[in-house]
Amino acid sequence: MKKRYLRDKETDIKVMTFNIHHGGTDAILDLKRIAVLIKTSSADIIGLQEVDNHFSERSNFEDQAKWLANYLGMNYAYGVNLDYDPLQEGEDRRQYGTAVLSKYPILSAENHLLTNIPYQGNPKEQRGLLETVINVKGNHVQFYNTHLDDQRAEQRDLQIKEIHDIANQKEGTSIIVGDFNATPESAEILKMTAQYKDVFAELGQNNDFTFPADKPDSRIDYIFTSEDAKICTGEVINTNLSDHLPITAELVLSFL
């Protein structure tokens, strides 16, 4: 007799966000070290920023999201923000962006390119929001991963407005993670916390800094949740594998 699959009405989940700096900052390219850190964290869903896909020699032209997913036995989605022609005809396109890894099935994925204002001089890279729908024990969770502009508050402000516009189109539990390149008191982050719960602020851990990794003095990496998520713990993981420190959060998700 075939068993019926019942949806869990309450689920514990652990999420992570980590800017991996395309594989490390110490001139040693070793994705296995990052994979081991993720595995040791026991995170169920992970948002990664600065992820290469056949990009250049700096990452040995590796499809990093696929490699990490295969090593960890996870599902993955990749969001392309930079997309260049191959160095030689017939080779893979050279791409750079964000990724989501998940122990649970990823039902859909879409990358949204965010506003990129054309400034004179010092042009900035294209940014995006990777939107995924993940089946967590029979329930659909909206999981978003982003990496915002690193210099201009004006640009981040527009990008956050677009994140709201995109996320507001979906109902149900939402989790938004990423490298926002802005500190908690900034106008940009205040716009995020007007609608979402900032895990570390809710826990009274505003001084759990994430950047720079060697001497952290700023909190610019975040895990935000919709109001229906219960926040249990938040942790900064001390590591020298990137210029950012990864963070995790243990949540309890409730479903009707």
Protein backbone atom coordinates (compact mmCIF):
# COMPACT_ATOMS: atom_id res chain seq x y z
CA MET A 1 0.00 0.00 0.00
CA LYS A 2 1.42 3.38 -1.00
CA LYS A 3 2.01 5.75 1.89
CA ARG A 4 0.45 9.19 1.84
CA TYR A 5 2.90 12.04 2.25
CA LEU A 6 1.75 14.42 5.00
CA ARG A 7 2.90 17.99 5.22
CA ASP A 8 4.67 19.00 8.40
CA LYS A 9 2.88 21.88 10.11
CA GLU A 10 6.05 22.96 11.93
CA THR A 11 9.61 22.46 10.73
CA ASP A 12 13.04 23.21 12.16
CA ILE A 13 15.42 24.53 9.53
CA LYS A 14 18.95 25.93 9.48
CA VAL A 15 20.00 28.44 6.85
CA MET A 16 23.34 30.01 5.95
CA THR A 17 24.68 32.87 3.88
CA PHE A 18 28.32 33.04 2.78
CA ASN A 19 30.20 35.28 0.37
CA ILE A 20 32.86 32.79 -0.78
CA HIS A 21 35.01 35.28 -2.78
CA HIS A 22 35.05 32.87 -5.74
CA GLY A 23 36.77 30.19 -3.71
CA GLY A 24 39.03 31.87 -1.17
CA THR A 25 41.30 34.79 -0.35
CA ASP A 26 44.60 33.09 0.47
CA ALA A 27 45.64 32.27 -3.13
CA ILE A 28 44.74 28.63 -2.55
CA LEU A 29 41.80 27.48 -4.63
CA ASP A 30 40.20 24.66 -2.68
CA LEU A 31 36.43 24.38 -2.88
CA LYS A 32 36.57 21.32 -0.67
CA ARG A 33 37.41 23.51 2.33
CA ILE A 34 34.26 25.55 1.72
CA ALA A 35 32.21 22.38 1.23
CA VAL A 36 33.50 20.94 4.50
CA LEU A 37 32.60 24.16 6.34
CA ILE A 38 29.07 24.03 4.93
CA LYS A 39 28.73 20.35 5.83
CA THR A 40 30.02 20.93 9.35
CA SER A 41 27.52 23.75 9.86
CA SER A 42 24.61 21.33 9.21
CA ALA A 43 22.84 24.07 7.23
CA ASP A 44 19.85 22.89 5.20
CA ILE A 45 19.68 25.81 2.74
CA ILE A 46 22.62 28.02 1.83
CA GLY A 47 22.90 31.26 -0.12
CA LEU A 48 26.34 31.83 -1.65
CA GLN A 49 27.64 35.03 -3.20
CA GLU A 50 30.61 35.65 -5.55
CA VAL A 51 30.32 32.25 -7.22
CA ASP A 52 32.20 31.56 -10.48
CA ASN A 53 31.00 29.40 -13.35
CA HIS A 54 33.79 28.70 -15.90
CA PHE A 55 34.83 32.29 -15.18
CA SER A 56 38.63 32.38 -15.33
CA GLU A 57 41.89 30.93 -14.13
CA ARG A 58 41.25 32.39 -10.67
CA SER A 59 38.75 29.57 -10.08
CA ASN A 60 40.26 27.09 -12.53
CA PHE A 61 37.24 27.62 -14.84
CA GLU A 62 35.21 25.49 -12.39
CA ASP A 63 31.42 25.38 -12.25
CA GLN A 64 31.59 26.11 -8.54
CA ALA A 65 27.90 25.79 -7.67
CA LYS A 66 27.64 22.42 -9.40
CA TRP A 67 30.86 21.18 -7.81
CA LEU A 68 29.74 22.14 -4.30
CA ALA A 69 26.27 20.66 -4.81
CA ASN A 70 27.73 17.39 -6.07
CA TYR A 71 30.21 17.15 -3.21
CA LEU A 72 27.54 17.86 -0.60
CA GLY A 73 24.79 15.81 -2.23
CA MET A 74 22.54 18.88 -2.44
CA ASN A 75 20.28 20.47 -5.00
CA TYR A 76 21.36 23.82 -6.41
CA ALA A 77 20.33 26.85 -8.44
CA TYR A 78 22.64 29.42 -10.01
CA GLY A 79 21.95 33.08 -10.71
CA VAL A 80 24.02 34.66 -13.47
CA ASN A 81 24.80 38.36 -12.95
CA LEU A 82 27.85 38.66 -15.21
CA ASP A 83 27.81 36.72 -18.47
CA TYR A 84 30.82 36.90 -20.81
CA ASP A 85 31.77 35.19 -24.04
CA PRO A 86 34.16 32.24 -23.72
CA LEU A 87 37.87 32.81 -24.27
CA GLN A 88 37.74 30.40 -27.19
CA GLU A 89 34.87 29.48 -29.47
CA GLY A 90 33.03 26.36 -28.37
CA GLU A 91 33.93 26.70 -24.68
CA ASP A 92 31.48 27.45 -21.86
CA ARG A 93 30.35 31.01 -21.23
CA ARG A 94 32.17 32.74 -18.39
CA GLN A 95 29.73 33.63 -15.62
CA TYR A 96 29.68 35.08 -12.12
CA GLY A 97 26.83 35.41 -9.66
CA THR A 98 25.07 33.77 -6.74
CA ALA A 99 23.94 30.26 -5.87
CA VAL A 100 21.51 28.44 -3.60
CA LEU A 101 22.29 24.99 -2.22
CA SER A 102 19.52 22.97 -0.61
CA LYS A 103 19.01 19.60 1.05
CA TYR A 104 15.39 19.95 -0.04
CA PRO A 105 14.05 19.97 -3.61
CA ILE A 106 14.26 23.29 -5.43
CA LEU A 107 10.97 23.55 -7.28
CA SER A 108 11.79 26.67 -9.30
CA ALA A 109 14.52 29.27 -9.68
CA GLU A 110 14.64 32.66 -11.36
CA ASN A 111 17.37 35.29 -11.30
CA HIS A 112 16.23 38.91 -11.36
CA LEU A 113 18.77 41.52 -12.50
CA LEU A 114 18.56 44.56 -10.24
CA THR A 115 18.95 48.24 -11.07
CA ASN A 116 22.43 49.18 -12.22
CA ILE A 117 22.68 52.97 -12.53
CA PRO A 118 25.13 54.08 -15.26
CA TYR A 119 27.65 56.32 -13.47
CA GLN A 120 30.49 58.16 -15.15
CA GLY A 121 33.70 56.38 -14.37
CA ASN A 122 34.17 53.40 -12.07
CA PRO A 123 31.23 51.40 -13.50
CA LYS A 124 29.87 48.84 -11.09
CA GLU A 125 29.00 45.23 -11.72
CA GLN A 126 25.51 43.99 -12.38
CA ARG A 127 23.72 42.71 -9.27
CA GLY A 128 20.83 40.29 -8.95
CA LEU A 129 18.29 38.55 -6.74
CA LEU A 130 18.14 34.77 -7.07
CA GLU A 131 14.58 33.69 -6.25
CA THR A 132 13.91 30.03 -5.44
CA VAL A 133 10.92 28.06 -4.25
CA ILE A 134 11.97 25.15 -2.05
CA ASN A 135 9.85 22.20 -0.97
CA VAL A 136 10.55 21.85 2.75
CA LYS A 137 8.76 18.71 3.91
CA GLY A 138 5.76 19.36 1.71
CA ASN A 139 5.66 23.12 2.24
CA HIS A 140 6.78 25.81 -0.18
CA VAL A 141 9.34 28.28 1.15
CA GLN A 142 10.43 31.35 -0.81
CA PHE A 143 14.21 31.61 -0.45
CA TYR A 144 16.02 34.62 -1.92
CA ASN A 145 19.75 35.29 -2.22
CA THR A 146 21.35 38.58 -3.20
CA HIS A 147 24.57 40.58 -3.33
CA LEU A 148 24.06 44.34 -3.43
CA ASP A 149 26.21 47.21 -4.70
CA ASP A 150 29.28 47.81 -2.54
CA GLN A 151 29.72 51.59 -2.89
CA ARG A 152 26.57 53.58 -3.51
CA ALA A 153 23.71 53.82 -1.01
CA GLU A 154 21.54 55.28 -3.76
CA GLN A 155 21.96 52.13 -5.79
CA ARG A 156 21.37 49.79 -2.85
CA ASP A 157 18.23 51.72 -1.98
CA LEU A 158 16.78 51.08 -5.45
CA GLN A 159 17.86 47.44 -5.36
CA ILE A 160 16.13 46.87 -2.02
CA LYS A 161 12.94 48.44 -3.37
CA GLU A 162 13.07 45.94 -6.24
CA ILE A 163 13.64 43.06 -3.81
CA HIS A 164 10.49 44.11 -1.96
CA ASP A 165 8.53 44.36 -5.21
CA ILE A 166 9.61 40.87 -6.26
CA ALA A 167 9.15 39.17 -2.89
CA ASN A 168 5.76 40.81 -2.26
CA GLN A 169 4.33 38.98 -5.26
CA LYS A 170 4.53 35.69 -3.34
CA GLU A 171 2.61 34.56 -0.28
CA GLY A 172 3.87 32.35 2.51
CA THR A 173 7.17 32.06 4.34
CA SER A 174 10.04 34.11 2.92
CA ILE A 175 13.73 34.01 3.79
CA ILE A 176 16.07 36.59 2.25
CA VAL A 177 19.83 36.23 2.69
CA GLY A 178 22.94 37.80 1.27
CA ASP A 179 25.75 40.29 1.30
CA PHE A 180 23.95 43.65 1.46
CA ASN A 181 27.09 45.81 1.78
CA ALA A 182 25.29 48.03 4.31
CA THR A 183 25.28 48.20 8.09
CA PRO A 184 22.15 47.77 10.27
CA GLU A 185 21.60 51.50 10.93
CA SER A 186 21.73 52.44 7.23
CA ALA A 187 18.60 53.68 5.49
CA GLU A 188 18.74 50.70 3.13
CA ILE A 189 18.68 48.08 5.89
CA LEU A 190 16.03 49.98 7.82
CA LYS A 191 13.81 49.55 4.77
CA MET A 192 14.43 45.79 4.95
CA THR A 193 13.64 45.60 8.67
CA ALA A 194 10.43 47.56 8.15
CA GLN A 195 9.07 44.46 6.44
CA TYR A 196 11.28 41.55 7.52
CA LYS A 197 12.89 40.34 10.72
CA ASP A 198 16.67 40.68 10.88
CA VAL A 199 17.77 37.50 12.67
CA PHE A 200 20.76 38.98 14.49
CA ALA A 201 18.98 42.19 15.49
CA GLU A 202 16.05 40.17 16.85
CA LEU A 203 18.48 38.14 18.95
CA GLY A 204 20.29 41.25 20.24
CA GLN A 205 23.45 40.31 18.32
CA ASN A 206 23.97 43.50 16.32
CA ASN A 207 27.68 43.42 17.11
CA ASP A 208 28.23 39.97 15.61
CA PHE A 209 30.31 41.40 12.79
CA THR A 210 30.98 39.62 9.49
CA PHE A 211 33.47 41.81 7.61
CA PRO A 212 36.40 41.92 7.08
CA ALA A 213 37.00 38.33 8.12
CA ASP A 214 40.46 38.88 9.66
CA LYS A 215 39.33 41.79 11.88
CA PRO A 216 35.55 42.09 11.57
CA ASP A 217 34.11 45.47 12.52
CA SER A 218 30.95 45.63 10.37
CA ARG A 219 27.80 43.58 9.98
CA ILE A 220 26.90 43.57 6.28
CA ASP A 221 25.75 39.95 5.77
CA TYR A 222 22.17 39.17 6.72
CA ILE A 223 19.44 36.61 7.14
CA PHE A 224 15.96 38.15 7.02
CA THR A 225 12.70 36.26 7.58
CA SER A 226 9.02 36.95 7.23
CA GLU A 227 7.03 37.45 10.43
CA ASP A 228 5.79 33.84 10.55
CA ALA A 229 9.26 32.40 11.12
CA LYS A 230 10.40 31.84 14.69
CA ILE A 231 14.06 32.72 15.24
CA CYS A 232 15.99 30.42 17.57
CA THR A 233 19.71 31.08 17.10
CA GLY A 234 22.13 33.08 14.99
CA GLU A 235 25.84 32.35 14.70
CA VAL A 236 28.87 33.84 12.97
CA ILE A 237 31.34 31.15 11.91
CA ASN A 238 34.99 32.12 12.35
CA THR A 239 37.01 31.14 9.27
CA ASN A 240 39.77 32.47 7.02
CA LEU A 241 38.32 30.99 3.83
CA SER A 242 36.95 34.30 2.53
CA ASP A 243 36.98 38.03 3.24
CA HIS A 244 33.47 37.60 4.71
CA LEU A 245 32.43 35.40 7.63
CA PRO A 246 29.50 33.05 7.02
CA ILE A 247 26.46 33.25 9.26
CA THR A 248 23.77 30.72 10.13
CA ALA A 249 20.33 30.86 11.70
CA GLU A 250 18.17 28.16 13.22
CA LEU A 251 14.49 28.81 12.52
CA VAL A 252 11.15 27.17 13.18
CA LEU A 253 8.74 27.53 10.27
CA SER A 254 5.02 27.14 10.89
CA PHE A 255 2.55 26.32 8.11
CA LEU A 256 -1.24 26.44 7.96
